[in-house]
Amino acid sequence: MAKGVPNKRYTPEFKQKVVEAVRNEGLSYGEAARRYEVSAHKLIQKWEKIYLSEGPEGLSVERRGRGRIGSKSPNGQEDLLEELKRLRAENDYLKNLQALVMEDERRQRRKRW
């Protein structure tokens, strides 16, 4: 069984060719992986999912590694700062609410005695 080269980078055109062969010729992912010497049939599944959701252009987007929150986008950083501000306000509100509830409970206990 011919295995592909691990960590090999495939061109967007190659990915499109493989996905279209799977779709048009009715090849299984395993058959396509062997025919086109792709290292894993799971890659072809992933490519097909991208192809169906984003079209052929989606296959040219580099997707290696972990995504970064707010990377290269000033708007992403602004969004994070806004969320931080909102969460801090929510935290302060909950602390004040907890203090009020505890004070009310203390008063209720005093009334019972």
N, C-alpha and C. Protein backbone atom coordinates (compact mmCIF):
# COMPACT_ATOMS: atom_id res chain seq x y z
N MET A 1 0.84 -1.18 0.00
CA MET A 1 0.00 0.00 0.00
C MET A 1 0.88 1.23 0.00
N ALA A 2 0.74 2.07 -0.99
CA ALA A 2 1.58 3.26 -1.12
C ALA A 2 1.11 4.32 -0.14
N LYS A 3 2.03 4.82 0.64
CA LYS A 3 1.73 5.89 1.60
C LYS A 3 2.26 7.19 1.05
N GLY A 4 1.58 8.27 1.34
CA GLY A 4 2.06 9.58 0.94
C GLY A 4 3.17 10.03 1.87
N VAL A 5 3.73 11.15 1.55
CA VAL A 5 4.79 11.72 2.36
C VAL A 5 4.17 12.49 3.52
N PRO A 6 4.54 12.14 4.78
CA PRO A 6 3.96 12.88 5.90
C PRO A 6 4.44 14.33 5.90
N ASN A 7 3.58 15.23 6.38
CA ASN A 7 3.88 16.67 6.46
C ASN A 7 4.12 17.31 5.09
N LYS A 8 3.65 16.67 4.06
CA LYS A 8 3.79 17.24 2.72
C LYS A 8 2.73 18.31 2.54
N ARG A 9 3.07 19.38 1.86
CA ARG A 9 2.10 20.42 1.56
C ARG A 9 1.56 20.20 0.17
N TYR A 10 0.26 20.19 0.09
CA TYR A 10 -0.42 19.97 -1.19
C TYR A 10 -0.91 21.31 -1.72
N THR A 11 -0.82 21.51 -3.02
CA THR A 11 -1.26 22.76 -3.63
C THR A 11 -2.79 22.80 -3.64
N PRO A 12 -3.36 24.00 -3.67
CA PRO A 12 -4.82 24.11 -3.76
C PRO A 12 -5.38 23.43 -5.01
N GLU A 13 -4.65 23.52 -6.11
CA GLU A 13 -5.11 22.89 -7.35
C GLU A 13 -5.16 21.37 -7.20
N PHE A 14 -4.15 20.81 -6.53
CA PHE A 14 -4.10 19.37 -6.31
C PHE A 14 -5.27 18.94 -5.42
N LYS A 15 -5.50 19.69 -4.35
CA LYS A 15 -6.60 19.38 -3.44
C LYS A 15 -7.93 19.39 -4.19
N GLN A 16 -8.12 20.40 -5.03
CA GLN A 16 -9.35 20.51 -5.80
C GLN A 16 -9.50 19.33 -6.74
N LYS A 17 -8.41 18.95 -7.39
CA LYS A 17 -8.43 17.82 -8.32
C LYS A 17 -8.85 16.54 -7.60
N VAL A 18 -8.29 16.31 -6.40
CA VAL A 18 -8.60 15.10 -5.63
C VAL A 18 -10.07 15.11 -5.19
N VAL A 19 -10.52 16.24 -4.66
CA VAL A 19 -11.91 16.33 -4.19
C VAL A 19 -12.88 16.14 -5.34
N GLU A 20 -12.60 16.73 -6.47
CA GLU A 20 -13.49 16.59 -7.62
C GLU A 20 -13.50 15.15 -8.14
N ALA A 21 -12.35 14.48 -8.04
CA ALA A 21 -12.30 13.07 -8.44
C ALA A 21 -13.18 12.23 -7.51
N VAL A 22 -13.12 12.51 -6.22
CA VAL A 22 -13.96 11.79 -5.26
C VAL A 22 -15.43 12.01 -5.58
N ARG A 23 -15.78 13.25 -5.84
CA ARG A 23 -17.19 13.59 -6.07
C ARG A 23 -17.69 13.11 -7.44
N ASN A 24 -16.89 13.29 -8.47
CA ASN A 24 -17.34 12.97 -9.83
C ASN A 24 -17.21 11.48 -10.18
N GLU A 25 -16.12 10.86 -9.70
CA GLU A 25 -15.87 9.47 -10.06
C GLU A 25 -16.38 8.49 -9.01
N GLY A 26 -16.87 9.00 -7.89
CA GLY A 26 -17.39 8.13 -6.84
C GLY A 26 -16.32 7.36 -6.11
N LEU A 27 -15.10 7.89 -6.09
CA LEU A 27 -14.02 7.23 -5.37
C LEU A 27 -14.24 7.33 -3.87
N SER A 28 -13.83 6.30 -3.15
CA SER A 28 -13.84 6.40 -1.69
C SER A 28 -12.64 7.24 -1.29
N TYR A 29 -12.63 7.70 -0.04
CA TYR A 29 -11.50 8.49 0.42
C TYR A 29 -10.20 7.67 0.40
N GLY A 30 -10.32 6.41 0.78
CA GLY A 30 -9.15 5.53 0.77
C GLY A 30 -8.60 5.31 -0.63
N GLU A 31 -9.51 5.08 -1.60
CA GLU A 31 -9.09 4.89 -2.99
C GLU A 31 -8.41 6.15 -3.52
N ALA A 32 -8.99 7.29 -3.22
CA ALA A 32 -8.40 8.55 -3.69
C ALA A 32 -7.04 8.78 -3.04
N ALA A 33 -6.91 8.44 -1.77
CA ALA A 33 -5.63 8.61 -1.08
C ALA A 33 -4.55 7.75 -1.73
N ARG A 34 -4.91 6.52 -2.07
CA ARG A 34 -3.94 5.64 -2.73
C ARG A 34 -3.61 6.13 -4.14
N ARG A 35 -4.64 6.49 -4.91
CA ARG A 35 -4.42 6.91 -6.29
C ARG A 35 -3.56 8.17 -6.37
N TYR A 36 -3.83 9.14 -5.50
CA TYR A 36 -3.12 10.42 -5.57
C TYR A 36 -1.97 10.53 -4.56
N GLU A 37 -1.70 9.42 -3.87
CA GLU A 37 -0.60 9.34 -2.91
C GLU A 37 -0.70 10.44 -1.83
N VAL A 38 -1.88 10.54 -1.25
CA VAL A 38 -2.11 11.45 -0.14
C VAL A 38 -1.85 10.65 1.14
N SER A 39 -1.21 11.29 2.12
CA SER A 39 -0.76 10.55 3.30
C SER A 39 -1.89 9.96 4.14
N ALA A 40 -3.07 10.58 4.14
CA ALA A 40 -4.17 10.05 4.95
C ALA A 40 -5.50 10.38 4.31
N HIS A 41 -6.42 9.41 4.35
CA HIS A 41 -7.73 9.66 3.75
C HIS A 41 -8.51 10.72 4.52
N LYS A 42 -8.17 10.93 5.79
CA LYS A 42 -8.84 11.97 6.59
C LYS A 42 -8.59 13.35 6.00
N LEU A 43 -7.43 13.54 5.40
CA LEU A 43 -7.13 14.82 4.75
C LEU A 43 -8.13 15.11 3.64
N ILE A 44 -8.42 14.09 2.87
CA ILE A 44 -9.35 14.26 1.75
C ILE A 44 -10.75 14.57 2.27
N GLN A 45 -11.13 13.95 3.37
CA GLN A 45 -12.42 14.26 3.98
C GLN A 45 -12.46 15.73 4.38
N LYS A 46 -11.37 16.20 4.99
CA LYS A 46 -11.29 17.59 5.43
C LYS A 46 -11.35 18.53 4.23
N TRP A 47 -10.62 18.19 3.18
CA TRP A 47 -10.62 19.03 1.98
C TRP A 47 -12.03 19.10 1.38
N GLU A 48 -12.71 17.97 1.35
CA GLU A 48 -14.06 17.96 0.77
C GLU A 48 -15.00 18.83 1.60
N LYS A 49 -14.88 18.76 2.90
CA LYS A 49 -15.73 19.58 3.78
C LYS A 49 -15.48 21.07 3.52
N ILE A 50 -14.22 21.44 3.39
CA ILE A 50 -13.86 22.83 3.09
C ILE A 50 -14.38 23.22 1.71
N TYR A 51 -14.20 22.34 0.75
CA TYR A 51 -14.64 22.58 -0.63
C TYR A 51 -16.15 22.83 -0.68
N LEU A 52 -16.90 22.03 0.06
CA LEU A 52 -18.36 22.17 0.05
C LEU A 52 -18.84 23.42 0.79
N SER A 53 -18.14 23.79 1.85
CA SER A 53 -18.60 24.95 2.63
C SER A 53 -18.06 26.27 2.10
N GLU A 54 -16.82 26.29 1.58
CA GLU A 54 -16.19 27.54 1.17
C GLU A 54 -15.90 27.63 -0.32
N GLY A 55 -16.08 26.53 -1.02
CA GLY A 55 -15.76 26.51 -2.44
C GLY A 55 -14.28 26.24 -2.67
N PRO A 56 -13.86 26.20 -3.94
CA PRO A 56 -12.47 25.90 -4.26
C PRO A 56 -11.47 26.90 -3.65
N GLU A 57 -11.91 28.16 -3.43
CA GLU A 57 -11.01 29.17 -2.86
C GLU A 57 -10.61 28.79 -1.43
N GLY A 58 -11.48 28.11 -0.72
CA GLY A 58 -11.21 27.72 0.65
C GLY A 58 -10.03 26.76 0.77
N LEU A 59 -9.75 26.04 -0.31
CA LEU A 59 -8.64 25.09 -0.27
C LEU A 59 -7.28 25.78 -0.30
N SER A 60 -7.24 27.06 -0.64
CA SER A 60 -5.96 27.76 -0.70
C SER A 60 -5.59 28.43 0.63
N VAL A 61 -6.50 28.40 1.61
CA VAL A 61 -6.23 29.01 2.91
C VAL A 61 -5.35 28.08 3.73
N GLU A 62 -4.27 28.63 4.28
CA GLU A 62 -3.36 27.85 5.12
C GLU A 62 -4.02 27.63 6.47
N ARG A 63 -4.14 26.38 6.91
CA ARG A 63 -4.85 26.07 8.14
C ARG A 63 -3.99 25.29 9.13
N ARG A 64 -2.70 25.36 9.01
CA ARG A 64 -1.83 24.63 9.94
C ARG A 64 -1.71 25.35 11.26
N GLY A 65 -1.47 24.59 12.30
CA GLY A 65 -1.23 25.17 13.62
C GLY A 65 -2.51 25.60 14.30
N ARG A 66 -2.35 26.15 15.50
CA ARG A 66 -3.50 26.61 16.26
C ARG A 66 -3.87 28.01 15.84
N GLY A 67 -5.14 28.28 15.84
CA GLY A 67 -5.60 29.63 15.54
C GLY A 67 -5.22 30.57 16.68
N ARG A 68 -5.11 31.85 16.37
CA ARG A 68 -4.75 32.82 17.39
C ARG A 68 -5.91 33.77 17.59
N ILE A 69 -6.22 34.03 18.84
CA ILE A 69 -7.32 34.93 19.16
C ILE A 69 -6.89 36.36 18.87
N GLY A 70 -7.67 37.04 18.07
CA GLY A 70 -7.40 38.44 17.77
C GLY A 70 -6.12 38.66 16.97
N SER A 71 -5.69 37.68 16.23
CA SER A 71 -4.43 37.80 15.51
C SER A 71 -4.55 38.74 14.32
N LYS A 72 -3.61 39.62 14.17
CA LYS A 72 -3.47 40.50 13.02
C LYS A 72 -4.68 41.39 12.77
N SER A 73 -5.61 41.40 13.68
CA SER A 73 -6.81 42.19 13.47
C SER A 73 -7.00 43.15 14.63
N PRO A 74 -6.89 44.45 14.38
CA PRO A 74 -7.11 45.39 15.47
C PRO A 74 -8.53 45.27 16.02
N ASN A 75 -9.49 44.92 15.16
CA ASN A 75 -10.87 44.76 15.62
C ASN A 75 -10.98 43.60 16.59
N GLY A 76 -10.22 42.53 16.37
CA GLY A 76 -10.23 41.39 17.28
C GLY A 76 -9.76 41.80 18.65
N GLN A 77 -8.73 42.63 18.70
CA GLN A 77 -8.20 43.09 19.98
C GLN A 77 -9.22 44.01 20.66
N GLU A 78 -9.85 44.86 19.89
CA GLU A 78 -10.88 45.75 20.45
C GLU A 78 -12.04 44.94 21.01
N ASP A 79 -12.42 43.89 20.28
CA ASP A 79 -13.51 43.03 20.76
C ASP A 79 -13.14 42.38 22.08
N LEU A 80 -11.91 41.91 22.17
CA LEU A 80 -11.46 41.28 23.41
C LEU A 80 -11.45 42.26 24.57
N LEU A 81 -11.01 43.49 24.30
CA LEU A 81 -10.99 44.50 25.36
C LEU A 81 -12.41 44.84 25.81
N GLU A 82 -13.35 44.92 24.86
CA GLU A 82 -14.74 45.17 25.22
C GLU A 82 -15.32 44.04 26.06
N GLU A 83 -14.99 42.81 25.66
CA GLU A 83 -15.48 41.67 26.42
C GLU A 83 -14.89 41.65 27.82
N LEU A 84 -13.61 41.98 27.94
CA LEU A 84 -12.97 42.06 29.25
C LEU A 84 -13.65 43.10 30.13
N LYS A 85 -13.94 44.25 29.55
CA LYS A 85 -14.62 45.33 30.28
C LYS A 85 -16.00 44.87 30.75
N ARG A 86 -16.74 44.19 29.86
CA ARG A 86 -18.07 43.70 30.20
C ARG A 86 -18.00 42.65 31.31
N LEU A 87 -17.03 41.75 31.22
CA LEU A 87 -16.90 40.70 32.22
C LEU A 87 -16.49 41.26 33.58
N ARG A 88 -15.65 42.27 33.59
CA ARG A 88 -15.27 42.91 34.85
C ARG A 88 -16.49 43.58 35.50
N ALA A 89 -17.31 44.24 34.70
CA ALA A 89 -18.51 44.88 35.23
C ALA A 89 -19.48 43.82 35.77
N GLU A 90 -19.62 42.73 35.05
CA GLU A 90 -20.49 41.64 35.50
C GLU A 90 -19.98 41.05 36.81
N ASN A 91 -18.67 40.88 36.90
CA ASN A 91 -18.05 40.35 38.11
C ASN A 91 -18.30 41.27 39.30
N ASP A 92 -18.13 42.59 39.11
CA ASP A 92 -18.39 43.55 40.17
C ASP A 92 -19.85 43.49 40.61
N TYR A 93 -20.75 43.40 39.65
CA TYR A 93 -22.19 43.32 39.95
C TYR A 93 -22.48 42.09 40.80
N LEU A 94 -21.93 40.94 40.40
CA LEU A 94 -22.19 39.70 41.14
C LEU A 94 -21.61 39.75 42.55
N LYS A 95 -20.45 40.37 42.71
CA LYS A 95 -19.87 40.52 44.05
C LYS A 95 -20.76 41.38 44.92
N ASN A 96 -21.26 42.49 44.38
CA ASN A 96 -22.17 43.36 45.14
C ASN A 96 -23.47 42.64 45.48
N LEU A 97 -23.99 41.88 44.55
CA LEU A 97 -25.22 41.13 44.79
C LEU A 97 -25.00 40.11 45.90
N GLN A 98 -23.87 39.42 45.86
CA GLN A 98 -23.56 38.43 46.90
C GLN A 98 -23.45 39.11 48.27
N ALA A 99 -22.82 40.26 48.33
CA ALA A 99 -22.69 40.99 49.59
C ALA A 99 -24.07 41.39 50.12
N LEU A 100 -24.97 41.84 49.25
CA LEU A 100 -26.32 42.21 49.66
C LEU A 100 -27.10 41.00 50.18
N VAL A 101 -26.98 39.88 49.50
CA VAL A 101 -27.67 38.66 49.92
C VAL A 101 -27.16 38.22 51.28
N MET A 102 -25.86 38.26 51.48
CA MET A 102 -25.28 37.85 52.76
C MET A 102 -25.74 38.79 53.88
N GLU A 103 -25.78 40.08 53.60
CA GLU A 103 -26.24 41.06 54.59
C GLU A 103 -27.70 40.81 54.94
N ASP A 104 -28.53 40.50 53.95
CA ASP A 104 -29.93 40.21 54.19
C ASP A 104 -30.08 38.95 55.06
N GLU A 105 -29.27 37.93 54.77
CA GLU A 105 -29.31 36.70 55.57
C GLU A 105 -28.92 36.99 57.01
N ARG A 106 -27.91 37.83 57.23
CA ARG A 106 -27.49 38.19 58.59
C ARG A 106 -28.63 38.88 59.33
N ARG A 107 -29.32 39.77 58.65
CA ARG A 107 -30.44 40.49 59.27
C ARG A 107 -31.57 39.53 59.62
N GLN A 108 -31.83 38.57 58.74
CA GLN A 108 -32.89 37.59 59.00
C GLN A 108 -32.55 36.75 60.22
N ARG A 109 -31.30 36.36 60.38
CA ARG A 109 -30.86 35.58 61.53
C ARG A 109 -31.01 36.39 62.82
N ARG A 110 -30.69 37.67 62.78
CA ARG A 110 -30.80 38.53 63.96
C ARG A 110 -32.26 38.66 64.41
N LYS A 111 -33.17 38.74 63.45
CA LYS A 111 -34.57 38.89 63.78
C LYS A 111 -35.11 37.65 64.47
N ARG A 112 -34.61 36.50 64.12
CA ARG A 112 -35.07 35.25 64.72
C ARG A 112 -34.68 35.15 66.18
N TRP A 113 -33.55 35.72 66.55
CA TRP A 113 -33.06 35.61 67.94
C TRP A 113 -33.80 36.55 68.76
